[in-house]
Amino acid sequence: MRLLVLGGSRFLGRAVAEVALARDHELTFFNRGQTSPGLYPDVEKLHGDRAGDLQVLAGREWGAVVDTSGYLPDLVRNSAAALAGSAHYCFVSTISVYADLSVPVDEDSPLAALGELLSDDVTNESYGPLKALCEAAVCEAFEERALVVRPGLIVGPHSPTPRWPARIKLTSGARSRPVSSSGR
């Protein structure tokens, strides 16, 4: 399959790339070329910026697009419109889109609203509502060809944040044991 990854090759995009390449997919990155530009030398890299420079995507189509880096609704809307000829669009969102996480949530739970928050500034307060608006932009452009994934905390190798847990406590009565950063 021809696969386009929007975003860098630092963390989640890198994990997607590794799986895609292991399965012999034809991979293309679209990003600014600032993070690990030498990684994956045999992979096609299209350089541009979602904030206005999408020309390199014009007239191109992929079997699937995986968007790991969309945070601002206008930029995601523009990217989705530029890629509307592609077969599918997977948007990696967040459980932070839900209005109330103090209760169990499912796909039908109310979403967070932006309210008075700025629509072009990603903060702790605006992150969830902005991602909800990004989801809406993808679904509007791709309709039934859109897939929105709402993970909780994403951790793992190459994470740029210190959230990777050093230990995992087993709740089945077994003793906890250290887990290496490679996950083994």
N, C-alpha and C. Protein backbone atom coordinates (compact mmCIF):
# COMPACT_ATOMS: atom_id res chain seq x y z
N MET A 1 0.84 -1.18 0.00
CA MET A 1 0.00 0.00 0.00
C MET A 1 0.88 1.24 0.00
N ARG A 2 0.44 2.24 -0.69
CA ARG A 2 1.12 3.53 -0.67
C ARG A 2 0.62 4.29 0.56
N LEU A 3 1.53 4.63 1.47
CA LEU A 3 1.19 5.23 2.75
C LEU A 3 1.92 6.56 2.92
N LEU A 4 1.18 7.59 3.30
CA LEU A 4 1.74 8.91 3.59
C LEU A 4 1.62 9.16 5.08
N VAL A 5 2.74 9.52 5.70
CA VAL A 5 2.73 9.90 7.11
C VAL A 5 2.95 11.40 7.19
N LEU A 6 1.98 12.09 7.77
CA LEU A 6 2.11 13.52 8.00
C LEU A 6 2.77 13.71 9.36
N GLY A 7 3.89 14.34 9.37
CA GLY A 7 4.59 14.57 10.62
C GLY A 7 6.00 14.03 10.57
N GLY A 8 6.64 14.12 11.68
CA GLY A 8 8.05 13.77 11.75
C GLY A 8 8.31 12.31 11.96
N SER A 9 9.56 12.01 12.10
CA SER A 9 10.01 10.64 12.30
C SER A 9 10.63 10.48 13.69
N ARG A 10 10.18 11.32 14.63
CA ARG A 10 10.75 11.28 15.97
C ARG A 10 10.11 10.19 16.82
N PHE A 11 8.80 10.13 16.91
CA PHE A 11 8.18 9.26 17.89
C PHE A 11 7.06 8.43 17.26
N LEU A 12 5.85 8.93 17.24
CA LEU A 12 4.74 8.15 16.73
C LEU A 12 4.86 7.91 15.22
N GLY A 13 5.24 8.94 14.48
CA GLY A 13 5.47 8.76 13.05
C GLY A 13 6.54 7.73 12.77
N ARG A 14 7.54 7.70 13.62
CA ARG A 14 8.62 6.71 13.48
C ARG A 14 8.09 5.30 13.73
N ALA A 15 7.25 5.15 14.73
CA ALA A 15 6.66 3.83 15.00
C ALA A 15 5.79 3.37 13.84
N VAL A 16 5.01 4.29 13.28
CA VAL A 16 4.18 3.95 12.12
C VAL A 16 5.08 3.56 10.94
N ALA A 17 6.15 4.31 10.74
CA ALA A 17 7.07 4.03 9.64
C ALA A 17 7.70 2.65 9.79
N GLU A 18 8.12 2.30 10.98
CA GLU A 18 8.77 1.01 11.19
C GLU A 18 7.82 -0.15 10.87
N VAL A 19 6.57 -0.03 11.28
CA VAL A 19 5.59 -1.08 10.97
C VAL A 19 5.32 -1.12 9.47
N ALA A 20 5.14 0.05 8.86
CA ALA A 20 4.86 0.10 7.42
C ALA A 20 6.00 -0.52 6.61
N LEU A 21 7.21 -0.18 6.96
CA LEU A 21 8.35 -0.72 6.22
C LEU A 21 8.50 -2.23 6.45
N ALA A 22 8.24 -2.68 7.67
CA ALA A 22 8.31 -4.12 7.95
C ALA A 22 7.27 -4.90 7.15
N ARG A 23 6.20 -4.24 6.77
CA ARG A 23 5.14 -4.88 5.98
C ARG A 23 5.25 -4.56 4.49
N ASP A 24 6.38 -3.99 4.10
CA ASP A 24 6.69 -3.68 2.70
C ASP A 24 5.73 -2.69 2.06
N HIS A 25 5.22 -1.75 2.84
CA HIS A 25 4.41 -0.68 2.26
C HIS A 25 5.33 0.36 1.62
N GLU A 26 4.82 1.06 0.65
CA GLU A 26 5.56 2.14 0.01
C GLU A 26 5.29 3.40 0.82
N LEU A 27 6.30 3.88 1.53
CA LEU A 27 6.14 4.94 2.52
C LEU A 27 6.64 6.28 2.02
N THR A 28 5.88 7.32 2.35
CA THR A 28 6.27 8.70 2.07
C THR A 28 6.04 9.51 3.34
N PHE A 29 6.97 10.38 3.67
CA PHE A 29 6.79 11.34 4.76
C PHE A 29 6.49 12.71 4.17
N PHE A 30 5.60 13.45 4.81
CA PHE A 30 5.44 14.88 4.53
C PHE A 30 5.69 15.62 5.83
N ASN A 31 6.76 16.42 5.83
CA ASN A 31 7.09 17.22 7.01
C ASN A 31 8.07 18.32 6.61
N ARG A 32 8.54 19.05 7.61
CA ARG A 32 9.47 20.15 7.33
C ARG A 32 10.91 19.69 7.16
N GLY A 33 11.18 18.41 7.42
CA GLY A 33 12.53 17.88 7.25
C GLY A 33 13.49 18.28 8.34
N GLN A 34 12.98 18.62 9.52
CA GLN A 34 13.84 19.09 10.60
C GLN A 34 14.22 18.00 11.59
N THR A 35 13.39 16.98 11.75
CA THR A 35 13.66 15.94 12.74
C THR A 35 14.20 14.69 12.05
N SER A 36 15.37 14.29 12.42
CA SER A 36 16.00 13.06 11.89
C SER A 36 15.93 12.96 10.37
N PRO A 37 16.41 13.97 9.65
CA PRO A 37 16.27 13.94 8.19
C PRO A 37 17.00 12.78 7.52
N GLY A 38 18.03 12.23 8.16
CA GLY A 38 18.77 11.12 7.56
C GLY A 38 18.18 9.76 7.85
N LEU A 39 17.19 9.71 8.72
CA LEU A 39 16.55 8.44 9.05
C LEU A 39 15.75 7.96 7.85
N TYR A 40 15.78 6.70 7.59
CA TYR A 40 15.06 6.08 6.47
C TYR A 40 15.50 6.67 5.12
N PRO A 41 16.75 6.45 4.75
CA PRO A 41 17.27 7.05 3.52
C PRO A 41 16.55 6.59 2.25
N ASP A 42 15.92 5.43 2.27
CA ASP A 42 15.25 4.93 1.07
C ASP A 42 13.78 5.32 1.00
N VAL A 43 13.30 6.11 1.95
CA VAL A 43 11.90 6.52 2.00
C VAL A 43 11.75 7.89 1.34
N GLU A 44 10.71 8.03 0.54
CA GLU A 44 10.43 9.32 -0.09
C GLU A 44 10.06 10.34 0.98
N LYS A 45 10.68 11.53 0.90
CA LYS A 45 10.40 12.60 1.85
C LYS A 45 9.96 13.83 1.08
N LEU A 46 8.77 14.29 1.38
CA LEU A 46 8.25 15.52 0.78
C LEU A 46 8.32 16.61 1.84
N HIS A 47 9.00 17.69 1.53
CA HIS A 47 9.15 18.76 2.51
C HIS A 47 8.18 19.89 2.22
N GLY A 48 7.54 20.32 3.29
CA GLY A 48 6.60 21.42 3.24
C GLY A 48 6.16 21.71 4.65
N ASP A 49 5.23 22.62 4.77
CA ASP A 49 4.74 23.02 6.08
C ASP A 49 3.23 23.12 6.02
N ARG A 50 2.56 22.47 6.96
CA ARG A 50 1.10 22.50 6.99
C ARG A 50 0.57 23.92 7.13
N ALA A 51 1.39 24.81 7.61
CA ALA A 51 0.95 26.19 7.81
C ALA A 51 0.92 26.98 6.50
N GLY A 52 0.88 26.29 5.37
CA GLY A 52 0.71 27.02 4.13
C GLY A 52 1.39 26.44 2.92
N ASP A 53 2.41 25.62 3.10
CA ASP A 53 3.16 25.11 1.97
C ASP A 53 2.80 23.64 1.72
N LEU A 54 1.65 23.41 1.06
CA LEU A 54 1.18 22.07 0.76
C LEU A 54 1.33 21.73 -0.72
N GLN A 55 1.99 22.59 -1.48
CA GLN A 55 2.09 22.44 -2.93
C GLN A 55 2.66 21.09 -3.34
N VAL A 56 3.61 20.56 -2.59
CA VAL A 56 4.26 19.30 -2.95
C VAL A 56 3.27 18.12 -2.92
N LEU A 57 2.12 18.30 -2.27
CA LEU A 57 1.10 17.25 -2.21
C LEU A 57 0.13 17.31 -3.39
N ALA A 58 0.15 18.40 -4.12
CA ALA A 58 -0.81 18.61 -5.21
C ALA A 58 -0.75 17.48 -6.24
N GLY A 59 -1.91 16.94 -6.55
CA GLY A 59 -2.02 15.91 -7.56
C GLY A 59 -1.56 14.53 -7.13
N ARG A 60 -1.22 14.37 -5.87
CA ARG A 60 -0.73 13.08 -5.37
C ARG A 60 -1.85 12.38 -4.59
N GLU A 61 -1.85 11.06 -4.63
CA GLU A 61 -2.83 10.26 -3.88
C GLU A 61 -2.13 9.08 -3.23
N TRP A 62 -2.65 8.68 -2.08
CA TRP A 62 -2.11 7.54 -1.35
C TRP A 62 -3.25 6.61 -0.97
N GLY A 63 -2.91 5.37 -0.70
CA GLY A 63 -3.90 4.42 -0.23
C GLY A 63 -4.39 4.78 1.16
N ALA A 64 -3.49 5.34 1.95
CA ALA A 64 -3.84 5.80 3.30
C ALA A 64 -2.90 6.91 3.72
N VAL A 65 -3.46 7.83 4.49
CA VAL A 65 -2.72 8.93 5.10
C VAL A 65 -2.82 8.71 6.60
N VAL A 66 -1.69 8.83 7.31
CA VAL A 66 -1.70 8.76 8.76
C VAL A 66 -1.19 10.11 9.27
N ASP A 67 -2.05 10.80 9.99
CA ASP A 67 -1.75 12.13 10.50
C ASP A 67 -1.45 12.03 11.99
N THR A 68 -0.17 12.11 12.33
CA THR A 68 0.25 12.00 13.73
C THR A 68 0.53 13.35 14.36
N SER A 69 0.34 14.43 13.60
CA SER A 69 0.84 15.73 14.09
C SER A 69 -0.14 16.88 13.91
N GLY A 70 -1.42 16.60 13.79
CA GLY A 70 -2.39 17.67 13.61
C GLY A 70 -2.90 18.22 14.93
N TYR A 71 -2.75 19.52 15.13
CA TYR A 71 -3.19 20.16 16.37
C TYR A 71 -4.10 21.35 16.14
N LEU A 72 -3.96 22.01 15.00
CA LEU A 72 -4.76 23.20 14.71
C LEU A 72 -5.77 22.89 13.61
N PRO A 73 -7.04 23.14 13.87
CA PRO A 73 -8.11 22.75 12.93
C PRO A 73 -7.94 23.30 11.51
N ASP A 74 -7.54 24.55 11.37
CA ASP A 74 -7.40 25.12 10.02
C ASP A 74 -6.30 24.40 9.23
N LEU A 75 -5.20 24.06 9.91
CA LEU A 75 -4.11 23.37 9.22
C LEU A 75 -4.51 21.95 8.85
N VAL A 76 -5.22 21.27 9.74
CA VAL A 76 -5.70 19.91 9.45
C VAL A 76 -6.72 19.95 8.32
N ARG A 77 -7.61 20.93 8.33
CA ARG A 77 -8.62 21.08 7.27
C ARG A 77 -7.93 21.25 5.92
N ASN A 78 -6.88 22.09 5.88
CA ASN A 78 -6.16 22.32 4.63
C ASN A 78 -5.44 21.05 4.16
N SER A 79 -4.83 20.34 5.09
CA SER A 79 -4.14 19.09 4.74
C SER A 79 -5.14 18.07 4.20
N ALA A 80 -6.26 17.91 4.90
CA ALA A 80 -7.27 16.94 4.47
C ALA A 80 -7.81 17.31 3.09
N ALA A 81 -8.03 18.59 2.85
CA ALA A 81 -8.53 19.01 1.53
C ALA A 81 -7.49 18.71 0.45
N ALA A 82 -6.22 18.95 0.74
CA ALA A 82 -5.17 18.70 -0.24
C ALA A 82 -5.03 17.21 -0.55
N LEU A 83 -5.42 16.37 0.39
CA LEU A 83 -5.26 14.92 0.24
C LEU A 83 -6.57 14.19 -0.01
N ALA A 84 -7.61 14.93 -0.34
CA ALA A 84 -8.96 14.35 -0.49
C ALA A 84 -9.03 13.23 -1.52
N GLY A 85 -8.11 13.17 -2.45
CA GLY A 85 -8.10 12.11 -3.45
C GLY A 85 -7.53 10.79 -2.93
N SER A 86 -6.97 10.81 -1.74
CA SER A 86 -6.43 9.58 -1.15
C SER A 86 -7.56 8.72 -0.64
N ALA A 87 -7.30 7.43 -0.52
CA ALA A 87 -8.36 6.48 -0.17
C ALA A 87 -8.84 6.63 1.27
N HIS A 88 -7.93 6.76 2.22
CA HIS A 88 -8.30 6.81 3.63
C HIS A 88 -7.43 7.81 4.36
N TYR A 89 -7.96 8.34 5.47
CA TYR A 89 -7.22 9.30 6.29
C TYR A 89 -7.39 8.88 7.74
N CYS A 90 -6.29 8.52 8.39
CA CYS A 90 -6.29 8.15 9.81
C CYS A 90 -5.75 9.33 10.61
N PHE A 91 -6.57 9.88 11.48
CA PHE A 91 -6.16 11.00 12.32
C PHE A 91 -5.94 10.51 13.75
N VAL A 92 -4.72 10.71 14.25
CA VAL A 92 -4.42 10.32 15.63
C VAL A 92 -4.79 11.50 16.52
N SER A 93 -5.85 11.30 17.29
CA SER A 93 -6.38 12.32 18.17
C SER A 93 -5.98 12.00 19.61
N THR A 94 -6.90 12.13 20.54
CA THR A 94 -6.61 11.95 21.96
C THR A 94 -7.90 11.76 22.74
N ILE A 95 -7.83 11.09 23.88
CA ILE A 95 -9.01 11.01 24.74
C ILE A 95 -9.31 12.36 25.36
N SER A 96 -8.39 13.30 25.26
CA SER A 96 -8.63 14.65 25.79
C SER A 96 -9.73 15.39 25.05
N VAL A 97 -10.25 14.82 23.96
CA VAL A 97 -11.35 15.46 23.25
C VAL A 97 -12.66 15.39 24.03
N TYR A 98 -12.74 14.49 25.01
CA TYR A 98 -13.99 14.33 25.75
C TYR A 98 -14.16 15.44 26.78
N ALA A 99 -15.40 15.90 26.93
CA ALA A 99 -15.71 17.01 27.84
C ALA A 99 -15.49 16.64 29.30
N ASP A 100 -15.72 15.38 29.67
CA ASP A 100 -15.65 14.98 31.07
C ASP A 100 -15.01 13.61 31.19
N LEU A 101 -13.76 13.59 31.63
CA LEU A 101 -13.06 12.32 31.79
C LEU A 101 -13.19 11.76 33.21
N SER A 102 -14.02 12.40 34.03
CA SER A 102 -14.23 11.88 35.39
C SER A 102 -15.26 10.75 35.39
N VAL A 103 -15.86 10.50 34.23
CA VAL A 103 -16.82 9.41 34.06
C VAL A 103 -16.36 8.56 32.89
N PRO A 104 -16.79 7.30 32.82
CA PRO A 104 -16.43 6.48 31.66
C PRO A 104 -16.92 7.14 30.36
N VAL A 105 -16.10 7.06 29.32
CA VAL A 105 -16.45 7.67 28.04
C VAL A 105 -16.49 6.61 26.95
N ASP A 106 -17.22 6.91 25.89
CA ASP A 106 -17.21 6.10 24.68
C ASP A 106 -17.36 7.06 23.50
N GLU A 107 -17.47 6.53 22.30
CA GLU A 107 -17.50 7.37 21.10
C GLU A 107 -18.65 8.35 21.06
N ASP A 108 -19.70 8.10 21.84
CA ASP A 108 -20.86 8.99 21.84
C ASP A 108 -20.83 10.02 22.97
N SER A 109 -19.80 10.01 23.79
CA SER A 109 -19.70 10.95 24.90
C SER A 109 -19.53 12.37 24.37
N PRO A 110 -20.01 13.37 25.12
CA PRO A 110 -19.86 14.77 24.68
C PRO A 110 -18.38 15.16 24.54
N LEU A 111 -18.13 15.99 23.53
CA LEU A 111 -16.77 16.45 23.27
C LEU A 111 -16.53 17.80 23.93
N ALA A 112 -15.28 18.07 24.24
CA ALA A 112 -14.88 19.34 24.83
C ALA A 112 -15.09 20.45 23.81
N ALA A 113 -15.49 21.62 24.30
CA ALA A 113 -15.73 22.78 23.45
C ALA A 113 -14.63 23.81 23.68
N LEU A 114 -14.27 24.52 22.64
CA LEU A 114 -13.21 25.51 22.71
C LEU A 114 -13.65 26.73 23.53
N GLY A 115 -14.92 27.11 23.41
CA GLY A 115 -15.42 28.25 24.19
C GLY A 115 -14.64 29.52 23.89
N GLU A 116 -14.14 30.15 24.93
CA GLU A 116 -13.42 31.42 24.80
C GLU A 116 -11.93 31.24 24.52
N LEU A 117 -11.47 30.00 24.48
CA LEU A 117 -10.05 29.76 24.24
C LEU A 117 -9.67 30.10 22.80
N LEU A 118 -8.42 30.44 22.59
CA LEU A 118 -7.94 30.79 21.26
C LEU A 118 -7.86 29.56 20.36
N SER A 119 -8.26 29.72 19.11
CA SER A 119 -8.28 28.59 18.18
C SER A 119 -6.95 28.36 17.49
N ASP A 120 -5.96 29.18 17.77
CA ASP A 120 -4.66 28.99 17.14
C ASP A 120 -3.52 28.87 18.16
N ASP A 121 -3.87 28.56 19.42
CA ASP A 121 -2.88 28.45 20.47
C ASP A 121 -3.11 27.15 21.25
N VAL A 122 -2.18 26.22 21.13
CA VAL A 122 -2.32 24.93 21.80
C VAL A 122 -1.77 25.07 23.23
N THR A 123 -2.67 24.97 24.19
CA THR A 123 -2.32 25.00 25.61
C THR A 123 -2.92 23.76 26.26
N ASN A 124 -2.65 23.55 27.54
CA ASN A 124 -3.27 22.42 28.24
C ASN A 124 -4.78 22.49 28.17
N GLU A 125 -5.34 23.69 28.25
CA GLU A 125 -6.79 23.86 28.23
C GLU A 125 -7.39 23.71 26.84
N SER A 126 -6.67 24.13 25.82
CA SER A 126 -7.22 24.12 24.46
C SER A 126 -6.90 22.84 23.69
N TYR A 127 -5.96 22.05 24.17
CA TYR A 127 -5.51 20.86 23.44
C TYR A 127 -6.66 19.94 23.04
N GLY A 128 -7.47 19.51 23.99
CA GLY A 128 -8.58 18.60 23.70
C GLY A 128 -9.60 19.20 22.75
N PRO A 129 -10.10 20.41 23.05
CA PRO A 129 -11.07 21.01 22.14
C PRO A 129 -10.53 21.22 20.72
N LEU A 130 -9.26 21.60 20.61
CA LEU A 130 -8.68 21.78 19.27
C LEU A 130 -8.59 20.45 18.53
N LYS A 131 -8.19 19.40 19.22
CA LYS A 131 -8.14 18.08 18.58
C LYS A 131 -9.53 17.64 18.14
N ALA A 132 -10.57 17.95 18.93
CA ALA A 132 -11.95 17.62 18.53
C ALA A 132 -12.32 18.35 17.24
N LEU A 133 -11.91 19.59 17.11
CA LEU A 133 -12.18 20.34 15.88
C LEU A 133 -11.37 19.78 14.70
N CYS A 134 -10.16 19.31 14.97
CA CYS A 134 -9.35 18.66 13.93
C CYS A 134 -10.05 17.39 13.44
N GLU A 135 -10.57 16.60 14.38
CA GLU A 135 -11.31 15.39 14.01
C GLU A 135 -12.46 15.74 13.08
N ALA A 136 -13.20 16.78 13.43
CA ALA A 136 -14.36 17.19 12.62
C ALA A 136 -13.91 17.58 11.21
N ALA A 137 -12.77 18.26 11.11
CA ALA A 137 -12.27 18.67 9.78
C ALA A 137 -11.93 17.45 8.94
N VAL A 138 -11.29 16.45 9.53
CA VAL A 138 -10.95 15.23 8.80
C VAL A 138 -12.22 14.50 8.37
N CYS A 139 -13.16 14.36 9.29
CA CYS A 139 -14.40 13.64 8.98
C CYS A 139 -15.22 14.36 7.92
N GLU A 140 -15.18 15.67 7.91
CA GLU A 140 -15.89 16.44 6.89
C GLU A 140 -15.29 16.20 5.51
N ALA A 141 -13.96 16.16 5.43
CA ALA A 141 -13.29 15.98 4.15
C ALA A 141 -13.34 14.53 3.65
N PHE A 142 -13.23 13.56 4.57
CA PHE A 142 -13.11 12.17 4.15
C PHE A 142 -14.34 11.31 4.43
N GLU A 143 -15.29 11.85 5.20
CA GLU A 143 -16.53 11.14 5.53
C GLU A 143 -16.25 9.71 5.98
N GLU A 144 -16.83 8.71 5.33
CA GLU A 144 -16.67 7.31 5.77
C GLU A 144 -15.26 6.77 5.52
N ARG A 145 -14.43 7.53 4.83
CA ARG A 145 -13.04 7.11 4.59
C ARG A 145 -12.10 7.61 5.70
N ALA A 146 -12.68 8.28 6.71
CA ALA A 146 -11.88 8.79 7.83
C ALA A 146 -11.86 7.79 8.97
N LEU A 147 -10.72 7.71 9.63
CA LEU A 147 -10.58 6.93 10.85
C LEU A 147 -9.97 7.85 11.89
N VAL A 148 -10.66 8.01 13.01
CA VAL A 148 -10.15 8.83 14.10
C VAL A 148 -9.81 7.89 15.25
N VAL A 149 -8.59 7.97 15.72
CA VAL A 149 -8.11 7.15 16.83
C VAL A 149 -7.93 8.08 18.03
N ARG A 150 -8.51 7.69 19.17
CA ARG A 150 -8.43 8.51 20.38
C ARG A 150 -7.68 7.79 21.50
N PRO A 151 -6.37 7.72 21.39
CA PRO A 151 -5.60 7.03 22.44
C PRO A 151 -5.50 7.87 23.70
N GLY A 152 -5.14 7.19 24.77
CA GLY A 152 -4.77 7.88 26.00
C GLY A 152 -3.31 8.29 25.87
N LEU A 153 -2.57 8.15 26.92
CA LEU A 153 -1.16 8.50 26.91
C LEU A 153 -0.40 7.54 25.99
N ILE A 154 0.34 8.08 25.06
CA ILE A 154 1.15 7.28 24.16
C ILE A 154 2.59 7.37 24.66
N VAL A 155 3.17 6.24 24.99
CA VAL A 155 4.55 6.20 25.47
C VAL A 155 5.31 5.13 24.71
N GLY A 156 6.62 5.22 24.74
CA GLY A 156 7.42 4.20 24.11
C GLY A 156 8.76 4.71 23.68
N PRO A 157 9.50 3.85 23.00
CA PRO A 157 10.83 4.25 22.53
C PRO A 157 10.76 5.50 21.65
N HIS A 158 11.74 6.34 21.79
CA HIS A 158 11.91 7.58 21.02
C HIS A 158 10.96 8.68 21.44
N SER A 159 10.23 8.50 22.54
CA SER A 159 9.33 9.55 23.02
C SER A 159 10.14 10.78 23.40
N PRO A 160 9.71 11.96 22.97
CA PRO A 160 10.45 13.18 23.30
C PRO A 160 10.11 13.69 24.70
N THR A 161 9.23 13.01 25.42
CA THR A 161 8.85 13.45 26.76
C THR A 161 9.29 12.41 27.78
N PRO A 162 9.39 12.80 29.04
CA PRO A 162 9.83 11.87 30.09
C PRO A 162 8.71 10.99 30.64
N ARG A 163 7.68 10.73 29.86
CA ARG A 163 6.52 9.99 30.36
C ARG A 163 6.69 8.48 30.29
N TRP A 164 7.77 7.99 29.73
CA TRP A 164 7.97 6.55 29.59
C TRP A 164 8.15 5.95 30.98
N PRO A 165 7.26 5.07 31.40
CA PRO A 165 7.33 4.56 32.77
C PRO A 165 8.54 3.65 32.99
N ALA A 166 9.17 3.80 34.15
CA ALA A 166 10.33 2.98 34.47
C ALA A 166 9.91 1.62 35.01
N ARG A 167 8.72 1.53 35.59
CA ARG A 167 8.26 0.27 36.16
C ARG A 167 6.78 0.10 35.84
N ILE A 168 6.38 -1.15 35.75
CA ILE A 168 4.96 -1.46 35.57
C ILE A 168 4.56 -2.36 36.72
N LYS A 169 3.52 -1.97 37.45
CA LYS A 169 3.06 -2.78 38.57
C LYS A 169 1.98 -3.73 38.07
N LEU A 170 2.20 -5.00 38.28
CA LEU A 170 1.22 -5.99 37.89
C LEU A 170 0.17 -6.10 38.98
N THR A 171 -1.09 -6.08 38.63
CA THR A 171 -2.16 -6.08 39.62
C THR A 171 -2.69 -7.47 39.92
N SER A 172 -2.16 -8.49 39.28
CA SER A 172 -2.68 -9.84 39.48
C SER A 172 -2.05 -10.52 40.69
N GLY A 173 -1.31 -9.79 41.50
CA GLY A 173 -0.65 -10.38 42.66
C GLY A 173 0.80 -10.71 42.38
N ALA A 174 1.21 -10.66 41.12
CA ALA A 174 2.61 -10.92 40.77
C ALA A 174 3.46 -9.73 41.20
N ARG A 175 4.74 -9.96 41.37
CA ARG A 175 5.63 -8.88 41.74
C ARG A 175 5.90 -7.97 40.54
N SER A 176 6.13 -6.71 40.85
CA SER A 176 6.52 -5.77 39.80
C SER A 176 7.93 -6.10 39.37
N ARG A 177 8.24 -5.81 38.13
CA ARG A 177 9.60 -6.00 37.66
C ARG A 177 9.98 -4.83 36.76
N PRO A 178 11.25 -4.46 36.75
CA PRO A 178 11.68 -3.34 35.90
C PRO A 178 11.44 -3.65 34.43
N VAL A 179 11.17 -2.63 33.69
CA VAL A 179 10.99 -2.75 32.24
C VAL A 179 12.01 -1.85 31.60
N SER A 180 12.78 -2.38 30.66
CA SER A 180 13.80 -1.57 30.00
C SER A 180 13.15 -0.60 29.03
N SER A 181 13.91 0.38 28.61
CA SER A 181 13.37 1.37 27.67
C SER A 181 13.06 0.77 26.31
N SER A 182 13.56 -0.43 26.04
CA SER A 182 13.23 -1.07 24.76
C SER A 182 11.91 -1.82 24.86
N GLY A 183 11.31 -1.84 26.07
CA GLY A 183 10.02 -2.50 26.24
C GLY A 183 10.13 -3.98 26.50
N ARG A 184 11.35 -4.50 26.68
CA ARG A 184 11.55 -5.94 26.91
C ARG A 184 11.82 -6.22 28.36
